[in-house]
C-alpha atoms as a PDB file:
ATOM      1  CA  MET A   1      -0.020  -0.092   0.179  1.00  0.00           C
ATOM      2  CA  ARG A   2       1.669   3.362  -1.025  1.00  0.00           C
ATOM      3  CA  ALA A   3       1.149   5.439   1.489  1.00  0.00           C
ATOM      4  CA  THR A   4       2.816   9.660   2.277  1.00  0.00           C
ATOM      5  CA  TRP A   5       3.706   9.561   5.936  1.00  0.00           C
ATOM      6  CA  LEU A   6       2.233  13.698   7.519  1.00  0.00           C
ATOM      7  CA  GLU A   7       2.996  14.561  10.497  1.00  0.00           C
ATOM      8  CA  GLY A   8       2.972  12.783  13.735  1.00  0.00           C
ATOM      9  CA  LEU A   9       1.010   9.913  13.542  1.00  0.00           C
ATOM     10  CA  LYS A  10      -0.548  10.790   9.698  1.00  0.00           C
ATOM     11  CA  VAL A  11      -0.808   9.021   6.245  1.00  0.00           C
ATOM     12  CA  ARG A  12      -1.966  10.303   3.558  1.00  0.00           C
ATOM     13  CA  VAL A  13      -3.093   7.365   0.613  1.00  0.00           C
ATOM     14  CA  GLU A  14      -1.437   8.375  -2.777  1.00  0.00           C
ATOM     15  CA  SER A  15      -3.607   6.795  -5.213  1.00  0.00           C
ATOM     16  CA  ASP A  16      -6.257   8.774  -3.201  1.00  0.00           C
ATOM     17  CA  LEU A  17      -4.346  12.273  -1.670  1.00  0.00           C
ATOM     18  CA  ASN A  18      -7.727  13.745   0.434  1.00  0.00           C
ATOM     19  CA  PHE A  19      -8.037  10.334   2.023  1.00  0.00           C
ATOM     20  CA  GLU A  20      -5.420  10.431   5.251  1.00  0.00           C
ATOM     21  CA  VAL A  21      -5.779   7.593   8.004  1.00  0.00           C
ATOM     22  CA  LEU A  22      -4.298   8.874  11.663  1.00  0.00           C
ATOM     23  CA  HIS A  23      -3.396   7.125  15.014  1.00  0.00           C
ATOM     24  CA  TYR A  24      -5.819   8.130  17.275  1.00  0.00           C
ATOM     25  CA  SER A  25      -6.850   7.913  21.079  1.00  0.00           C
ATOM     26  CA  ASP A  26     -10.271   7.745  21.198  1.00  0.00           C
ATOM     27  CA  SER A  27     -11.195   8.261  24.801  1.00  0.00           C
ATOM     28  CA  ARG A  28     -14.350   5.765  24.536  1.00  0.00           C
ATOM     29  CA  TYR A  29     -11.824   2.029  23.812  1.00  0.00           C
ATOM     30  CA  GLU A  30      -9.093   1.183  25.809  1.00  0.00           C
ATOM     31  CA  LYS A  31      -6.380   1.231  22.609  1.00  0.00           C
ATOM     32  CA  LEU A  32      -5.666   2.971  20.538  1.00  0.00           C
ATOM     33  CA  THR A  33      -7.358   3.465  17.088  1.00  0.00           C
ATOM     34  CA  ALA A  34      -7.413   4.147  13.689  1.00  0.00           C
ATOM     35  CA  GLU A  35      -9.165   6.745  12.070  1.00  0.00           C
ATOM     36  CA  VAL A  36     -10.872   7.621   8.238  1.00  0.00           C
ATOM     37  CA  GLN A  37     -10.380  10.799   6.891  1.00  0.00           C
ATOM     38  CA  TYR A  38     -12.009  12.344   4.180  1.00  0.00           C
ATOM     39  CA  LYS A  39     -10.576  15.640   2.869  1.00  0.00           C
ATOM     40  CA  GLY A  40     -10.327  16.243   6.381  1.00  0.00           C
ATOM     41  CA  GLN A  41     -13.726  14.879   7.503  1.00  0.00           C
ATOM     42  CA  PRO A  42     -13.682  11.608   9.910  1.00  0.00           C
ATOM     43  CA  ILE A  43     -15.204   9.473   8.239  1.00  0.00           C
ATOM     44  CA  ALA A  44     -14.254   5.852  10.147  1.00  0.00           C
ATOM     45  CA  GLN A  45     -12.627   4.823  12.478  1.00  0.00           C
ATOM     46  CA  ILE A  46     -11.238   1.076  13.786  1.00  0.00           C
ATOM     47  CA  ASN A  47     -10.524  -0.076  17.508  1.00  0.00           C
ATOM     48  CA  GLN A  48      -8.696  -2.861  18.293  1.00  0.00           C
ATOM     49  CA  ASP A  49     -10.263  -3.718  21.962  1.00  0.00           C
ATOM     50  CA  ARG A  50     -11.861  -6.569  20.928  1.00  0.00           C
ATOM     51  CA  GLY A  51      -8.143  -7.933  19.595  1.00  0.00           C
ATOM     52  CA  VAL A  52      -6.666  -7.254  16.402  1.00  0.00           C
ATOM     53  CA  GLY A  53      -8.115 -10.596  15.001  1.00  0.00           C
ATOM     54  CA  ASN A  54     -11.658  -9.203  16.083  1.00  0.00           C
ATOM     55  CA  LEU A  55     -11.075  -5.763  14.472  1.00  0.00           C
ATOM     56  CA  GLU A  56     -14.635  -3.217  14.412  1.00  0.00           C
ATOM     57  CA  LEU A  57     -15.536  -0.757  11.989  1.00  0.00           C
ATOM     58  CA  GLU A  58     -16.890   2.770  12.967  1.00  0.00           C
ATOM     59  CA  ILE A  59     -18.606   4.528   9.576  1.00  0.00           C
ATOM     60  CA  PHE A  60     -19.590   7.548  10.762  1.00  0.00           C
ATOM     61  CA  ALA A  61     -22.629   9.588   8.730  1.00  0.00           C
ATOM     62  CA  ASP A  62     -25.932  11.201   9.769  1.00  0.00           C
ATOM     63  CA  VAL A  63     -28.209   9.612   7.707  1.00  0.00           C
ATOM     64  CA  GLU A  64     -30.896  12.292   8.751  1.00  0.00           C
ATOM     65  CA  ASP A  65     -29.651  14.937   7.369  1.00  0.00           C
ATOM     66  CA  ALA A  66     -26.851  13.736   3.592  1.00  0.00           C
ATOM     67  CA  VAL A  67     -25.253  10.834   2.827  1.00  0.00           C
ATOM     68  CA  LEU A  68     -22.288  10.456   3.001  1.00  0.00           C
ATOM     69  CA  LYS A  69     -20.104   9.696  -0.775  1.00  0.00           C
ATOM     70  CA  VAL A  70     -16.710   9.322  -1.264  1.00  0.00           C
ATOM     71  CA  PRO A  71     -14.693   7.385  -3.915  1.00  0.00           C
ATOM     72  CA  LEU A  72     -15.050   3.268  -3.383  1.00  0.00           C
ATOM     73  CA  SER A  73     -11.435   3.032  -4.093  1.00  0.00           C
ATOM     74  CA  GLY A  74      -9.783   5.437  -2.114  1.00  0.00           C
ATOM     75  CA  PHE A  75     -11.538   4.353   0.843  1.00  0.00           C
ATOM     76  CA  LEU A  76     -11.197   0.957   0.873  1.00  0.00           C
ATOM     77  CA  GLN A  77      -7.911   1.656   0.210  1.00  0.00           C
ATOM     78  CA  ALA A  78      -7.367   3.867   3.775  1.00  0.00           C
ATOM     79  CA  ILE A  79      -9.488   1.291   5.201  1.00  0.00           C
ATOM     80  CA  ILE A  80      -6.892  -1.434   4.428  1.00  0.00           C
ATOM     81  CA  LEU A  81      -3.901   1.477   5.743  1.00  0.00           C
ATOM     82  CA  ALA A  82      -5.938   1.909   9.044  1.00  0.00           C
ATOM     83  CA  LYS A  83      -6.512  -1.818   9.150  1.00  0.00           C
ATOM     84  CA  GLU A  84      -2.269  -2.524   9.037  1.00  0.00           C
ATOM     85  CA  PHE A  85      -1.145   0.963  11.085  1.00  0.00           C
ATOM     86  CA  ILE A  86      -3.580   0.004  14.003  1.00  0.00           C
ATOM     87  CA  ALA A  87      -2.025  -4.222  13.629  1.00  0.00           C
ATOM     88  CA  GLU A  88       1.651  -2.750  14.124  1.00  0.00           C
END
């Protein structure tokens, strides 16, 4: 997976620079999470509280007001990158 490291614990998906993955410390979870952002807005988060073999994906969308529409290939690559990032 091709990615460009940015400041701190943030990487950008090279095939679609609108996607970024961040190591994230969310107080709702015991362990670090990986957050996927699209154009600077959080759209998904992966947590590993049930173990690396049982990762959970949380997708953020306000379904009452809008539809979340992002490029599928960039999103899938960002999710794969986030999984690799969190499993390190």
